[in-house]
């Protein structure tokens, strides 16, 4: 779990360094909400995976990264309309990529690092 601690420390320190230098309080408030959401989801997934040794971080990260695309595709099939049209409701899921891609990317990188460290220890 030291990788998770380093990632958490990096994001918290970068948020508070921009909080001090930036004067836009509303933007900082939205940044805090997304930071808490991001770190909460990321830490929850890592906690679950840490206690379930059989699950690899890499496929879970890939699934989290593409989950909004899957939701938009399935929604467009069942509701009809275009995958990219926000008016029909299906395209609204694609905005979740803003959150899911960084979380999925960090999980993929963390999973690859864990696999590399396990191979070195053997």
C-alpha atoms as a PDB file:
ATOM      1  CA  UNK A   1       0.000   0.000   0.000  1.00  0.00           C
ATOM      2  CA  UNK A   2       2.932   2.445  -0.104  1.00  0.00           C
ATOM      3  CA  UNK A   3       2.061   3.230  -3.723  1.00  0.00           C
ATOM      4  CA  UNK A   4      -1.433   4.312  -2.667  1.00  0.00           C
ATOM      5  CA  UNK A   5       0.035   6.490   0.086  1.00  0.00           C
ATOM      6  CA  UNK A   6       2.371   8.185  -2.390  1.00  0.00           C
ATOM      7  CA  UNK A   7      -0.467   8.793  -4.863  1.00  0.00           C
ATOM      8  CA  UNK A   8      -2.702  10.210  -2.114  1.00  0.00           C
ATOM      9  CA  UNK A   9       0.045  12.471  -0.817  1.00  0.00           C
ATOM     10  CA  UNK A  10       0.816  13.745  -4.309  1.00  0.00           C
ATOM     11  CA  UNK A  11      -2.778  14.674  -5.112  1.00  0.00           C
ATOM     12  CA  UNK A  12      -3.462  16.238  -1.716  1.00  0.00           C
ATOM     13  CA  UNK A  13      -0.282  18.317  -1.804  1.00  0.00           C
ATOM     14  CA  UNK A  14      -0.913  19.439  -5.389  1.00  0.00           C
ATOM     15  CA  UNK A  15      -4.479  20.435  -4.485  1.00  0.00           C
ATOM     16  CA  UNK A  16      -3.442  22.460  -1.448  1.00  0.00           C
ATOM     17  CA  UNK A  17      -0.580  24.121  -3.320  1.00  0.00           C
ATOM     18  CA  UNK A  18      -3.033  25.355  -5.972  1.00  0.00           C
ATOM     19  CA  UNK A  19      -5.533  26.319  -3.259  1.00  0.00           C
ATOM     20  CA  UNK A  20      -3.004  28.724  -1.777  1.00  0.00           C
ATOM     21  CA  UNK A  21      -1.905  30.212  -5.109  1.00  0.00           C
ATOM     22  CA  UNK A  22      -5.303  30.464  -6.839  1.00  0.00           C
ATOM     23  CA  UNK A  23      -7.868  33.033  -5.793  1.00  0.00           C
ATOM     24  CA  UNK A  24     -10.990  31.475  -7.338  1.00  0.00           C
ATOM     25  CA  UNK A  25     -12.807  29.917  -4.374  1.00  0.00           C
ATOM     26  CA  UNK A  26     -15.608  28.319  -6.373  1.00  0.00           C
ATOM     27  CA  UNK A  27     -13.134  26.499  -8.610  1.00  0.00           C
ATOM     28  CA  UNK A  28     -11.275  25.321  -5.521  1.00  0.00           C
ATOM     29  CA  UNK A  29     -14.543  24.024  -4.046  1.00  0.00           C
ATOM     30  CA  UNK A  30     -15.266  21.959  -7.147  1.00  0.00           C
ATOM     31  CA  UNK A  31     -11.669  20.783  -7.118  1.00  0.00           C
ATOM     32  CA  UNK A  32     -12.088  19.585  -3.528  1.00  0.00           C
ATOM     33  CA  UNK A  33     -15.237  17.648  -4.416  1.00  0.00           C
ATOM     34  CA  UNK A  34     -13.537  15.916  -7.335  1.00  0.00           C
ATOM     35  CA  UNK A  35     -10.409  15.264  -5.265  1.00  0.00           C
ATOM     36  CA  UNK A  36     -12.422  13.627  -2.480  1.00  0.00           C
ATOM     37  CA  UNK A  37     -14.447  11.630  -5.006  1.00  0.00           C
ATOM     38  CA  UNK A  38     -11.333  10.539  -6.880  1.00  0.00           C
ATOM     39  CA  UNK A  39      -9.355   9.553  -3.790  1.00  0.00           C
ATOM     40  CA  UNK A  40     -12.369   7.858  -2.213  1.00  0.00           C
ATOM     41  CA  UNK A  41     -13.023   5.638  -5.233  1.00  0.00           C
ATOM     42  CA  UNK A  42      -9.332   4.960  -5.762  1.00  0.00           C
ATOM     43  CA  UNK A  43      -8.703   4.010  -2.126  1.00  0.00           C
ATOM     44  CA  UNK A  44     -11.844   1.880  -1.910  1.00  0.00           C
ATOM     45  CA  UNK A  45     -10.850  -0.119  -4.971  1.00  0.00           C
ATOM     46  CA  UNK A  46      -7.309  -0.574  -3.675  1.00  0.00           C
ATOM     47  CA  UNK A  47      -8.615  -1.622  -0.247  1.00  0.00           C
ATOM     48  CA  UNK A  48     -10.900  -4.262  -1.770  1.00  0.00           C
ATOM     49  CA  UNK A  49      -8.172  -5.564  -4.030  1.00  0.00           C
ATOM     50  CA  UNK A  50      -5.588  -5.621  -1.239  1.00  0.00           C
ATOM     51  CA  UNK A  51      -7.697  -8.041   0.773  1.00  0.00           C
ATOM     52  CA  UNK A  52      -8.645 -10.124  -2.258  1.00  0.00           C
ATOM     53  CA  UNK A  53      -5.262 -11.342  -3.427  1.00  0.00           C
ATOM     54  CA  UNK A  54      -6.514 -13.084  -6.585  1.00  0.00           C
ATOM     55  CA  UNK A  55      -7.792  -9.929  -8.295  1.00  0.00           C
ATOM     56  CA  UNK A  56      -5.342  -7.952 -10.416  1.00  0.00           C
ATOM     57  CA  UNK A  57      -5.452  -4.171 -10.568  1.00  0.00           C
ATOM     58  CA  UNK A  58      -4.871  -4.015 -14.312  1.00  0.00           C
ATOM     59  CA  UNK A  59      -8.191  -5.466 -15.571  1.00  0.00           C
ATOM     60  CA  UNK A  60     -10.138  -3.609 -12.885  1.00  0.00           C
ATOM     61  CA  UNK A  61      -8.486  -0.343 -13.935  1.00  0.00           C
ATOM     62  CA  UNK A  62      -9.289  -1.031 -17.562  1.00  0.00           C
ATOM     63  CA  UNK A  63     -12.908  -1.774 -16.681  1.00  0.00           C
ATOM     64  CA  UNK A  64     -13.255   1.415 -14.618  1.00  0.00           C
ATOM     65  CA  UNK A  65     -11.667   3.463 -17.406  1.00  0.00           C
ATOM     66  CA  UNK A  66     -14.112   2.280 -20.085  1.00  0.00           C
ATOM     67  CA  UNK A  67     -17.229   1.894 -17.899  1.00  0.00           C
ATOM     68  CA  UNK A  68     -18.853   5.178 -19.071  1.00  0.00           C
ATOM     69  CA  UNK A  69     -18.430   4.122 -22.713  1.00  0.00           C
ATOM     70  CA  UNK A  70     -20.104   0.794 -21.951  1.00  0.00           C
ATOM     71  CA  UNK A  71     -22.953   2.558 -20.107  1.00  0.00           C
ATOM     72  CA  UNK A  72     -23.474   5.033 -22.962  1.00  0.00           C
ATOM     73  CA  UNK A  73     -23.461   2.237 -25.532  1.00  0.00           C
ATOM     74  CA  UNK A  74     -25.951   0.083 -23.643  1.00  0.00           C
ATOM     75  CA  UNK A  75     -28.162   3.076 -22.917  1.00  0.00           C
ATOM     76  CA  UNK A  76     -28.228   4.052 -26.593  1.00  0.00           C
ATOM     77  CA  UNK A  77     -29.197   0.505 -27.548  1.00  0.00           C
ATOM     78  CA  UNK A  78     -32.085   0.249 -25.090  1.00  0.00           C
ATOM     79  CA  UNK A  79     -33.348   3.852 -25.350  1.00  0.00           C
ATOM     80  CA  UNK A  80     -32.579   4.368 -29.015  1.00  0.00           C
ATOM     81  CA  UNK A  81     -30.767   7.375 -30.378  1.00  0.00           C
ATOM     82  CA  UNK A  82     -27.130   8.211 -30.791  1.00  0.00           C
ATOM     83  CA  UNK A  83     -24.349   7.195 -28.470  1.00  0.00           C
ATOM     84  CA  UNK A  84     -22.997  10.756 -28.484  1.00  0.00           C
ATOM     85  CA  UNK A  85     -26.272  12.685 -28.143  1.00  0.00           C
ATOM     86  CA  UNK A  86     -26.633  14.233 -24.694  1.00  0.00           C
ATOM     87  CA  UNK A  87     -30.258  15.143 -25.388  1.00  0.00           C
ATOM     88  CA  UNK A  88     -31.291  11.493 -25.469  1.00  0.00           C
ATOM     89  CA  UNK A  89     -29.406  10.823 -22.246  1.00  0.00           C
ATOM     90  CA  UNK A  90     -26.849   8.389 -23.621  1.00  0.00           C
ATOM     91  CA  UNK A  91     -24.151  10.964 -24.319  1.00  0.00           C
ATOM     92  CA  UNK A  92     -24.247  12.246 -20.758  1.00  0.00           C
ATOM     93  CA  UNK A  93     -22.455   9.127 -19.563  1.00  0.00           C
ATOM     94  CA  UNK A  94     -19.411  10.113 -21.588  1.00  0.00           C
ATOM     95  CA  UNK A  95     -18.793  13.046 -19.244  1.00  0.00           C
ATOM     96  CA  UNK A  96     -17.936  10.483 -16.575  1.00  0.00           C
ATOM     97  CA  UNK A  97     -14.769   9.724 -18.545  1.00  0.00           C
ATOM     98  CA  UNK A  98     -13.291  12.818 -16.903  1.00  0.00           C
ATOM     99  CA  UNK A  99     -13.277  10.914 -13.606  1.00  0.00           C
ATOM    100  CA  UNK A 100     -13.027   7.289 -14.713  1.00  0.00           C
ATOM    101  CA  UNK A 101     -10.020   7.595 -17.032  1.00  0.00           C
ATOM    102  CA  UNK A 102      -7.573   8.958 -14.422  1.00  0.00           C
ATOM    103  CA  UNK A 103      -8.746   6.449 -11.808  1.00  0.00           C
ATOM    104  CA  UNK A 104      -8.529   3.576 -14.272  1.00  0.00           C
ATOM    105  CA  UNK A 105      -5.133   4.747 -15.509  1.00  0.00           C
ATOM    106  CA  UNK A 106      -3.732   4.901 -11.989  1.00  0.00           C
ATOM    107  CA  UNK A 107      -5.077   1.435 -11.229  1.00  0.00           C
ATOM    108  CA  UNK A 108      -3.532   0.051 -14.413  1.00  0.00           C
ATOM    109  CA  UNK A 109      -0.152   1.605 -13.622  1.00  0.00           C
ATOM    110  CA  UNK A 110      -0.369   0.424  -9.998  1.00  0.00           C
ATOM    111  CA  UNK A 111      -1.261  -3.103 -11.156  1.00  0.00           C
ATOM    112  CA  UNK A 112       1.683  -3.204 -13.519  1.00  0.00           C
ATOM    113  CA  UNK A 113       4.006  -1.984 -10.759  1.00  0.00           C
ATOM    114  CA  UNK A 114       2.703  -4.630  -8.358  1.00  0.00           C
ATOM    115  CA  UNK A 115       3.268  -7.363 -10.962  1.00  0.00           C
ATOM    116  CA  UNK A 116       6.780  -6.061 -11.614  1.00  0.00           C
ATOM    117  CA  UNK A 117       7.602  -5.970  -7.899  1.00  0.00           C
ATOM    118  CA  UNK A 118       6.244  -9.511  -7.382  1.00  0.00           C
ATOM    119  CA  UNK A 119       8.439 -10.818 -10.194  1.00  0.00           C
ATOM    120  CA  UNK A 120      11.519  -9.132  -8.732  1.00  0.00           C
ATOM    121  CA  UNK A 121      10.905 -10.575  -5.274  1.00  0.00           C
ATOM    122  CA  UNK A 122      10.780 -14.155  -6.571  1.00  0.00           C
END
